[in-house]
């Protein structure tokens, strides 16, 4: 097996694997993927055996980070260690950078619960750890995993903005969920309440989101809910107390 930069003759196979591996809502238009490679924003690396493409990964290097945007293995060769082979080579090739990727957040009520658990175990097995950062966007709630030094919220946002481009970043808002924590009654909520801090990355979307959370809109206007943190617009939503 070889790990190489994808060649023009291999793109037909890569497209087939890409289309079968990701549902429409989770993938960028194919032409956008090709364009990002052409403009050298992204790099596509492939695992090959002879003339056959076994799998590939889309990487977006930026500053001291690398985003692993898509990892896919051909349905013809799954369960042969191809995915691990690809990730190990990526980690070796970019050993001096933070490697960042998204996985679906674990959810006991999700229809694909077992698949989510398996994906997370796969990345943990290959040396990744949780960044303890969670976001929600077009693909639902996601967990940010990293290899190497832990990525910060600000660094991830910067990376995501670069990966999507300014226009797409504005069109597709990302909500950043920070860890929940208890707060005193003096903060404006009852004792024992746990606060979930949610960072809204686009201020023009904030009022719309809060209107859907009517019970907290007045608190926001009164200033009980802080308006800014680390240059991101935020609000705090009381949720049922739970052990962390």
C-alpha atoms as a PDB file:
ATOM      1  CA  UNK A   1       0.000   0.000   0.000  1.00  0.00           C
ATOM      2  CA  UNK A   2       1.246   3.503  -0.835  1.00  0.00           C
ATOM      3  CA  UNK A   3       0.268   6.916   0.519  1.00  0.00           C
ATOM      4  CA  UNK A   4       0.596   9.534  -2.211  1.00  0.00           C
ATOM      5  CA  UNK A   5      -0.709  12.904  -3.323  1.00  0.00           C
ATOM      6  CA  UNK A   6      -3.702  12.177  -5.562  1.00  0.00           C
ATOM      7  CA  UNK A   7      -2.974  12.286  -9.290  1.00  0.00           C
ATOM      8  CA  UNK A   8      -5.302  13.498 -12.024  1.00  0.00           C
ATOM      9  CA  UNK A   9      -5.943   9.961 -13.313  1.00  0.00           C
ATOM     10  CA  UNK A  10      -7.201   8.915  -9.861  1.00  0.00           C
ATOM     11  CA  UNK A  11      -9.917  11.556  -9.507  1.00  0.00           C
ATOM     12  CA  UNK A  12     -12.608   9.412 -11.107  1.00  0.00           C
ATOM     13  CA  UNK A  13     -12.150   6.748  -8.422  1.00  0.00           C
ATOM     14  CA  UNK A  14     -11.917   9.386  -5.705  1.00  0.00           C
ATOM     15  CA  UNK A  15     -15.219  10.888  -6.858  1.00  0.00           C
ATOM     16  CA  UNK A  16     -16.924   7.479  -6.733  1.00  0.00           C
ATOM     17  CA  UNK A  17     -15.681   6.824  -3.188  1.00  0.00           C
ATOM     18  CA  UNK A  18     -16.597  10.376  -2.131  1.00  0.00           C
ATOM     19  CA  UNK A  19     -20.161  10.101  -3.404  1.00  0.00           C
ATOM     20  CA  UNK A  20     -20.789   6.688  -1.835  1.00  0.00           C
ATOM     21  CA  UNK A  21     -19.180   7.513   1.519  1.00  0.00           C
ATOM     22  CA  UNK A  22     -20.929  10.781   2.369  1.00  0.00           C
ATOM     23  CA  UNK A  23     -24.640  11.679   2.194  1.00  0.00           C
ATOM     24  CA  UNK A  24     -25.435  14.848   0.260  1.00  0.00           C
ATOM     25  CA  UNK A  25     -25.955  16.986   3.368  1.00  0.00           C
ATOM     26  CA  UNK A  26     -22.465  16.149   4.647  1.00  0.00           C
ATOM     27  CA  UNK A  27     -20.409  16.764   1.528  1.00  0.00           C
ATOM     28  CA  UNK A  28     -19.347  19.839  -0.378  1.00  0.00           C
ATOM     29  CA  UNK A  29     -20.176  19.965  -4.089  1.00  0.00           C
ATOM     30  CA  UNK A  30     -17.602  17.899  -5.965  1.00  0.00           C
ATOM     31  CA  UNK A  31     -16.571  20.881  -8.107  1.00  0.00           C
ATOM     32  CA  UNK A  32     -15.847  22.850  -4.897  1.00  0.00           C
ATOM     33  CA  UNK A  33     -13.565  20.068  -3.706  1.00  0.00           C
ATOM     34  CA  UNK A  34     -11.688  20.075  -7.024  1.00  0.00           C
ATOM     35  CA  UNK A  35     -11.439  23.877  -6.947  1.00  0.00           C
ATOM     36  CA  UNK A  36      -9.953  23.910  -3.436  1.00  0.00           C
ATOM     37  CA  UNK A  37      -7.241  21.497  -4.610  1.00  0.00           C
ATOM     38  CA  UNK A  38      -6.608  23.506  -7.789  1.00  0.00           C
ATOM     39  CA  UNK A  39      -6.142  26.708  -5.759  1.00  0.00           C
ATOM     40  CA  UNK A  40      -3.850  24.816  -3.358  1.00  0.00           C
ATOM     41  CA  UNK A  41      -6.057  25.455  -0.334  1.00  0.00           C
ATOM     42  CA  UNK A  42      -6.600  21.721   0.078  1.00  0.00           C
ATOM     43  CA  UNK A  43      -4.507  18.619  -0.519  1.00  0.00           C
ATOM     44  CA  UNK A  44      -5.954  15.199  -1.345  1.00  0.00           C
ATOM     45  CA  UNK A  45      -3.840  12.231  -0.281  1.00  0.00           C
ATOM     46  CA  UNK A  46      -4.707   8.724  -1.448  1.00  0.00           C
ATOM     47  CA  UNK A  47      -3.943   5.217  -0.257  1.00  0.00           C
ATOM     48  CA  UNK A  48      -3.305   3.102  -3.336  1.00  0.00           C
ATOM     49  CA  UNK A  49      -2.465  -0.470  -4.222  1.00  0.00           C
ATOM     50  CA  UNK A  50      -1.222  -0.802  -7.756  1.00  0.00           C
ATOM     51  CA  UNK A  51      -3.631   1.224  -9.902  1.00  0.00           C
ATOM     52  CA  UNK A  52      -6.496   1.006  -7.396  1.00  0.00           C
ATOM     53  CA  UNK A  53      -7.459   3.825  -5.012  1.00  0.00           C
ATOM     54  CA  UNK A  54      -8.360   2.259  -1.666  1.00  0.00           C
ATOM     55  CA  UNK A  55      -9.214   5.470   0.138  1.00  0.00           C
ATOM     56  CA  UNK A  56      -8.391   9.132   0.432  1.00  0.00           C
ATOM     57  CA  UNK A  57      -8.306  12.082   2.821  1.00  0.00           C
ATOM     58  CA  UNK A  58      -8.816  15.801   2.186  1.00  0.00           C
ATOM     59  CA  UNK A  59      -6.438  17.997   4.191  1.00  0.00           C
ATOM     60  CA  UNK A  60      -6.485  21.772   4.645  1.00  0.00           C
ATOM     61  CA  UNK A  61      -3.195  23.085   6.097  1.00  0.00           C
ATOM     62  CA  UNK A  62      -3.441  26.474   7.818  1.00  0.00           C
ATOM     63  CA  UNK A  63      -0.876  28.133  10.092  1.00  0.00           C
ATOM     64  CA  UNK A  64       0.095  25.530  12.737  1.00  0.00           C
ATOM     65  CA  UNK A  65      -2.984  23.375  12.066  1.00  0.00           C
ATOM     66  CA  UNK A  66      -4.292  20.890   9.516  1.00  0.00           C
ATOM     67  CA  UNK A  67      -7.985  20.169   9.084  1.00  0.00           C
ATOM     68  CA  UNK A  68      -8.842  16.620   8.058  1.00  0.00           C
ATOM     69  CA  UNK A  69     -11.953  17.529   6.108  1.00  0.00           C
ATOM     70  CA  UNK A  70     -12.971  14.158   4.633  1.00  0.00           C
ATOM     71  CA  UNK A  71     -11.699  10.626   5.165  1.00  0.00           C
ATOM     72  CA  UNK A  72     -13.215   7.868   3.056  1.00  0.00           C
ATOM     73  CA  UNK A  73     -12.378   4.254   2.241  1.00  0.00           C
ATOM     74  CA  UNK A  74     -13.752   2.302  -0.722  1.00  0.00           C
ATOM     75  CA  UNK A  75     -16.586  -0.061   0.215  1.00  0.00           C
ATOM     76  CA  UNK A  76     -14.646  -2.795  -1.617  1.00  0.00           C
ATOM     77  CA  UNK A  77     -11.772  -2.799   0.884  1.00  0.00           C
ATOM     78  CA  UNK A  78     -13.240  -1.799   4.252  1.00  0.00           C
ATOM     79  CA  UNK A  79     -12.097  -3.567   7.449  1.00  0.00           C
ATOM     80  CA  UNK A  80      -8.584  -4.010   6.046  1.00  0.00           C
ATOM     81  CA  UNK A  81      -6.983  -1.228   8.099  1.00  0.00           C
ATOM     82  CA  UNK A  82      -6.919   1.293   5.240  1.00  0.00           C
ATOM     83  CA  UNK A  83      -8.431   4.081   7.351  1.00  0.00           C
ATOM     84  CA  UNK A  84      -5.852   3.617  10.103  1.00  0.00           C
ATOM     85  CA  UNK A  85      -3.079   3.445   7.507  1.00  0.00           C
ATOM     86  CA  UNK A  86      -4.188   6.811   6.103  1.00  0.00           C
ATOM     87  CA  UNK A  87      -4.481   8.507   9.506  1.00  0.00           C
ATOM     88  CA  UNK A  88      -1.126   7.199  10.713  1.00  0.00           C
ATOM     89  CA  UNK A  89       0.550   8.583   7.612  1.00  0.00           C
ATOM     90  CA  UNK A  90      -1.169  11.953   8.036  1.00  0.00           C
ATOM     91  CA  UNK A  91      -0.071  12.159  11.679  1.00  0.00           C
ATOM     92  CA  UNK A  92       3.471  11.265  10.681  1.00  0.00           C
ATOM     93  CA  UNK A  93       3.578  13.720   7.791  1.00  0.00           C
ATOM     94  CA  UNK A  94       2.181  16.599   9.869  1.00  0.00           C
ATOM     95  CA  UNK A  95       3.747  15.693  13.203  1.00  0.00           C
ATOM     96  CA  UNK A  96       4.665  19.336  13.924  1.00  0.00           C
ATOM     97  CA  UNK A  97       1.081  20.587  13.468  1.00  0.00           C
ATOM     98  CA  UNK A  98      -2.222  20.224  15.290  1.00  0.00           C
ATOM     99  CA  UNK A  99      -4.485  17.923  13.276  1.00  0.00           C
ATOM    100  CA  UNK A 100      -8.165  18.771  13.682  1.00  0.00           C
ATOM    101  CA  UNK A 101     -11.310  16.940  12.556  1.00  0.00           C
ATOM    102  CA  UNK A 102     -15.021  16.729  13.295  1.00  0.00           C
ATOM    103  CA  UNK A 103     -17.088  13.711  14.278  1.00  0.00           C
ATOM    104  CA  UNK A 104     -20.774  13.435  15.137  1.00  0.00           C
ATOM    105  CA  UNK A 105     -21.367  14.027  18.828  1.00  0.00           C
ATOM    106  CA  UNK A 106     -22.327  10.930  20.821  1.00  0.00           C
ATOM    107  CA  UNK A 107     -26.072  10.762  21.360  1.00  0.00           C
ATOM    108  CA  UNK A 108     -27.937   7.822  22.894  1.00  0.00           C
ATOM    109  CA  UNK A 109     -31.058   8.784  20.928  1.00  0.00           C
ATOM    110  CA  UNK A 110     -29.366   9.002  17.526  1.00  0.00           C
ATOM    111  CA  UNK A 111     -30.395   6.463  14.891  1.00  0.00           C
ATOM    112  CA  UNK A 112     -26.730   5.856  14.066  1.00  0.00           C
ATOM    113  CA  UNK A 113     -25.626   5.639  17.709  1.00  0.00           C
ATOM    114  CA  UNK A 114     -23.381   2.604  17.161  1.00  0.00           C
ATOM    115  CA  UNK A 115     -21.756   4.179  14.092  1.00  0.00           C
ATOM    116  CA  UNK A 116     -20.945   7.333  16.064  1.00  0.00           C
ATOM    117  CA  UNK A 117     -19.378   5.278  18.862  1.00  0.00           C
ATOM    118  CA  UNK A 118     -17.328   3.256  16.348  1.00  0.00           C
ATOM    119  CA  UNK A 119     -16.026   6.391  14.598  1.00  0.00           C
ATOM    120  CA  UNK A 120     -14.962   7.949  17.885  1.00  0.00           C
ATOM    121  CA  UNK A 121     -13.206   4.738  18.964  1.00  0.00           C
ATOM    122  CA  UNK A 122     -11.416   4.673  15.593  1.00  0.00           C
ATOM    123  CA  UNK A 123      -9.903   8.114  16.095  1.00  0.00           C
ATOM    124  CA  UNK A 124      -9.062   7.479  19.747  1.00  0.00           C
ATOM    125  CA  UNK A 125      -7.275   4.294  18.660  1.00  0.00           C
ATOM    126  CA  UNK A 126      -5.247   6.347  16.197  1.00  0.00           C
ATOM    127  CA  UNK A 127      -4.007   8.806  18.804  1.00  0.00           C
ATOM    128  CA  UNK A 128      -6.666  11.530  18.661  1.00  0.00           C
ATOM    129  CA  UNK A 129      -8.197  13.109  21.759  1.00  0.00           C
ATOM    130  CA  UNK A 130     -11.254  15.246  22.356  1.00  0.00           C
ATOM    131  CA  UNK A 131     -10.723  19.000  22.387  1.00  0.00           C
ATOM    132  CA  UNK A 132     -13.809  19.287  24.646  1.00  0.00           C
ATOM    133  CA  UNK A 133     -15.256  21.686  22.059  1.00  0.00           C
ATOM    134  CA  UNK A 134     -18.649  21.011  20.495  1.00  0.00           C
ATOM    135  CA  UNK A 135     -20.341  22.835  17.644  1.00  0.00           C
ATOM    136  CA  UNK A 136     -23.593  22.629  15.764  1.00  0.00           C
ATOM    137  CA  UNK A 137     -24.037  23.526  12.131  1.00  0.00           C
ATOM    138  CA  UNK A 138     -25.403  22.171   8.866  1.00  0.00           C
ATOM    139  CA  UNK A 139     -24.449  18.579   9.779  1.00  0.00           C
ATOM    140  CA  UNK A 140     -25.851  18.718  13.320  1.00  0.00           C
ATOM    141  CA  UNK A 141     -23.955  18.580  16.605  1.00  0.00           C
ATOM    142  CA  UNK A 142     -20.288  17.708  16.202  1.00  0.00           C
ATOM    143  CA  UNK A 143     -17.289  17.089  18.467  1.00  0.00           C
ATOM    144  CA  UNK A 144     -13.875  18.483  17.585  1.00  0.00           C
ATOM    145  CA  UNK A 145     -11.072  15.921  17.869  1.00  0.00           C
ATOM    146  CA  UNK A 146      -7.378  16.739  17.657  1.00  0.00           C
ATOM    147  CA  UNK A 147      -4.008  15.059  17.344  1.00  0.00           C
ATOM    148  CA  UNK A 148      -1.029  16.694  19.009  1.00  0.00           C
ATOM    149  CA  UNK A 149      -1.423  19.879  20.999  1.00  0.00           C
ATOM    150  CA  UNK A 150      -4.982  20.788  21.937  1.00  0.00           C
ATOM    151  CA  UNK A 151      -6.697  23.308  19.658  1.00  0.00           C
ATOM    152  CA  UNK A 152      -8.428  26.343  21.195  1.00  0.00           C
ATOM    153  CA  UNK A 153     -11.910  27.644  20.375  1.00  0.00           C
ATOM    154  CA  UNK A 154     -10.454  30.761  18.719  1.00  0.00           C
ATOM    155  CA  UNK A 155      -7.988  28.741  16.639  1.00  0.00           C
ATOM    156  CA  UNK A 156     -10.716  26.370  15.437  1.00  0.00           C
ATOM    157  CA  UNK A 157     -12.971  29.241  14.393  1.00  0.00           C
ATOM    158  CA  UNK A 158     -10.070  30.790  12.484  1.00  0.00           C
ATOM    159  CA  UNK A 159      -9.367  27.462  10.771  1.00  0.00           C
ATOM    160  CA  UNK A 160     -13.030  26.900   9.897  1.00  0.00           C
ATOM    161  CA  UNK A 161     -13.323  30.382   8.409  1.00  0.00           C
ATOM    162  CA  UNK A 162     -10.257  29.741   6.233  1.00  0.00           C
ATOM    163  CA  UNK A 163     -11.522  26.307   5.180  1.00  0.00           C
ATOM    164  CA  UNK A 164     -14.982  27.529   4.174  1.00  0.00           C
ATOM    165  CA  UNK A 165     -13.994  30.934   2.831  1.00  0.00           C
ATOM    166  CA  UNK A 166     -15.497  34.204   4.046  1.00  0.00           C
ATOM    167  CA  UNK A 167     -18.732  33.988   2.039  1.00  0.00           C
ATOM    168  CA  UNK A 168     -19.548  30.362   2.909  1.00  0.00           C
ATOM    169  CA  UNK A 169     -18.595  30.988   6.526  1.00  0.00           C
ATOM    170  CA  UNK A 170     -21.220  33.747   6.719  1.00  0.00           C
ATOM    171  CA  UNK A 171     -23.857  31.703   4.910  1.00  0.00           C
ATOM    172  CA  UNK A 172     -23.412  28.660   7.149  1.00  0.00           C
ATOM    173  CA  UNK A 173     -23.322  29.771  10.803  1.00  0.00           C
ATOM    174  CA  UNK A 174     -21.585  27.572  13.354  1.00  0.00           C
ATOM    175  CA  UNK A 175     -22.681  27.556  16.991  1.00  0.00           C
ATOM    176  CA  UNK A 176     -19.936  26.787  19.481  1.00  0.00           C
ATOM    177  CA  UNK A 177     -20.989  24.905  22.624  1.00  0.00           C
ATOM    178  CA  UNK A 178     -18.645  25.354  25.584  1.00  0.00           C
ATOM    179  CA  UNK A 179     -18.731  23.072  28.651  1.00  0.00           C
ATOM    180  CA  UNK A 180     -21.644  23.499  31.057  1.00  0.00           C
ATOM    181  CA  UNK A 181     -20.959  24.800  34.570  1.00  0.00           C
ATOM    182  CA  UNK A 182     -22.991  25.674  37.726  1.00  0.00           C
ATOM    183  CA  UNK A 183     -23.644  29.328  38.608  1.00  0.00           C
ATOM    184  CA  UNK A 184     -24.791  31.104  41.807  1.00  0.00           C
ATOM    185  CA  UNK A 185     -28.308  32.470  42.320  1.00  0.00           C
ATOM    186  CA  UNK A 186     -26.892  36.023  42.113  1.00  0.00           C
ATOM    187  CA  UNK A 187     -26.359  35.478  38.400  1.00  0.00           C
ATOM    188  CA  UNK A 188     -30.092  35.617  37.851  1.00  0.00           C
ATOM    189  CA  UNK A 189     -31.051  31.959  37.902  1.00  0.00           C
ATOM    190  CA  UNK A 190     -31.991  29.571  40.680  1.00  0.00           C
ATOM    191  CA  UNK A 191     -29.352  27.809  42.766  1.00  0.00           C
ATOM    192  CA  UNK A 192     -28.097  24.573  41.251  1.00  0.00           C
ATOM    193  CA  UNK A 193     -28.881  25.563  37.699  1.00  0.00           C
ATOM    194  CA  UNK A 194     -26.260  24.585  35.167  1.00  0.00           C
ATOM    195  CA  UNK A 195     -25.431  27.109  32.480  1.00  0.00           C
ATOM    196  CA  UNK A 196     -24.592  26.105  28.912  1.00  0.00           C
ATOM    197  CA  UNK A 197     -22.580  28.814  27.175  1.00  0.00           C
ATOM    198  CA  UNK A 198     -23.351  28.975  23.479  1.00  0.00           C
ATOM    199  CA  UNK A 199     -21.246  31.177  21.247  1.00  0.00           C
ATOM    200  CA  UNK A 200     -23.010  32.615  18.207  1.00  0.00           C
ATOM    201  CA  UNK A 201     -20.450  33.379  15.545  1.00  0.00           C
ATOM    202  CA  UNK A 202     -22.647  35.699  13.518  1.00  0.00           C
ATOM    203  CA  UNK A 203     -24.268  38.580  15.404  1.00  0.00           C
ATOM    204  CA  UNK A 204     -27.030  39.035  12.826  1.00  0.00           C
ATOM    205  CA  UNK A 205     -28.232  35.501  13.629  1.00  0.00           C
ATOM    206  CA  UNK A 206     -28.283  36.035  17.393  1.00  0.00           C
ATOM    207  CA  UNK A 207     -31.703  37.664  17.743  1.00  0.00           C
ATOM    208  CA  UNK A 208     -33.352  35.013  15.539  1.00  0.00           C
ATOM    209  CA  UNK A 209     -31.855  32.238  17.630  1.00  0.00           C
ATOM    210  CA  UNK A 210     -32.904  33.894  20.878  1.00  0.00           C
ATOM    211  CA  UNK A 211     -36.455  34.428  19.619  1.00  0.00           C
ATOM    212  CA  UNK A 212     -36.692  30.656  19.349  1.00  0.00           C
ATOM    213  CA  UNK A 213     -35.568  30.560  22.994  1.00  0.00           C
ATOM    214  CA  UNK A 214     -38.195  33.095  24.172  1.00  0.00           C
ATOM    215  CA  UNK A 215     -37.780  32.397  27.878  1.00  0.00           C
ATOM    216  CA  UNK A 216     -34.213  33.758  27.721  1.00  0.00           C
ATOM    217  CA  UNK A 217     -34.786  36.740  25.414  1.00  0.00           C
ATOM    218  CA  UNK A 218     -35.769  39.115  28.232  1.00  0.00           C
ATOM    219  CA  UNK A 219     -32.748  38.075  30.294  1.00  0.00           C
ATOM    220  CA  UNK A 220     -30.553  38.879  27.301  1.00  0.00           C
ATOM    221  CA  UNK A 221     -32.059  42.366  26.942  1.00  0.00           C
ATOM    222  CA  UNK A 222     -31.689  43.039  30.678  1.00  0.00           C
ATOM    223  CA  UNK A 223     -27.997  42.162  30.535  1.00  0.00           C
ATOM    224  CA  UNK A 224     -28.207  39.110  32.780  1.00  0.00           C
ATOM    225  CA  UNK A 225     -26.958  37.052  29.873  1.00  0.00           C
ATOM    226  CA  UNK A 226     -23.549  38.391  28.756  1.00  0.00           C
ATOM    227  CA  UNK A 227     -23.366  39.633  25.190  1.00  0.00           C
ATOM    228  CA  UNK A 228     -19.719  39.057  24.338  1.00  0.00           C
ATOM    229  CA  UNK A 229     -16.876  36.722  25.212  1.00  0.00           C
ATOM    230  CA  UNK A 230     -13.602  36.380  23.326  1.00  0.00           C
ATOM    231  CA  UNK A 231     -15.031  38.538  20.497  1.00  0.00           C
ATOM    232  CA  UNK A 232     -17.820  35.994  19.925  1.00  0.00           C
ATOM    233  CA  UNK A 233     -21.437  36.789  20.735  1.00  0.00           C
ATOM    234  CA  UNK A 234     -22.678  34.513  23.487  1.00  0.00           C
ATOM    235  CA  UNK A 235     -25.668  33.825  25.648  1.00  0.00           C
ATOM    236  CA  UNK A 236     -26.180  31.430  28.526  1.00  0.00           C
ATOM    237  CA  UNK A 237     -29.036  28.974  28.551  1.00  0.00           C
ATOM    238  CA  UNK A 238     -30.031  27.372  31.890  1.00  0.00           C
ATOM    239  CA  UNK A 239     -30.326  23.612  31.489  1.00  0.00           C
ATOM    240  CA  UNK A 240     -31.215  20.860  33.910  1.00  0.00           C
ATOM    241  CA  UNK A 241     -28.483  20.270  36.491  1.00  0.00           C
ATOM    242  CA  UNK A 242     -26.442  17.176  35.782  1.00  0.00           C
ATOM    243  CA  UNK A 243     -23.181  15.592  36.877  1.00  0.00           C
ATOM    244  CA  UNK A 244     -20.230  16.412  34.617  1.00  0.00           C
END
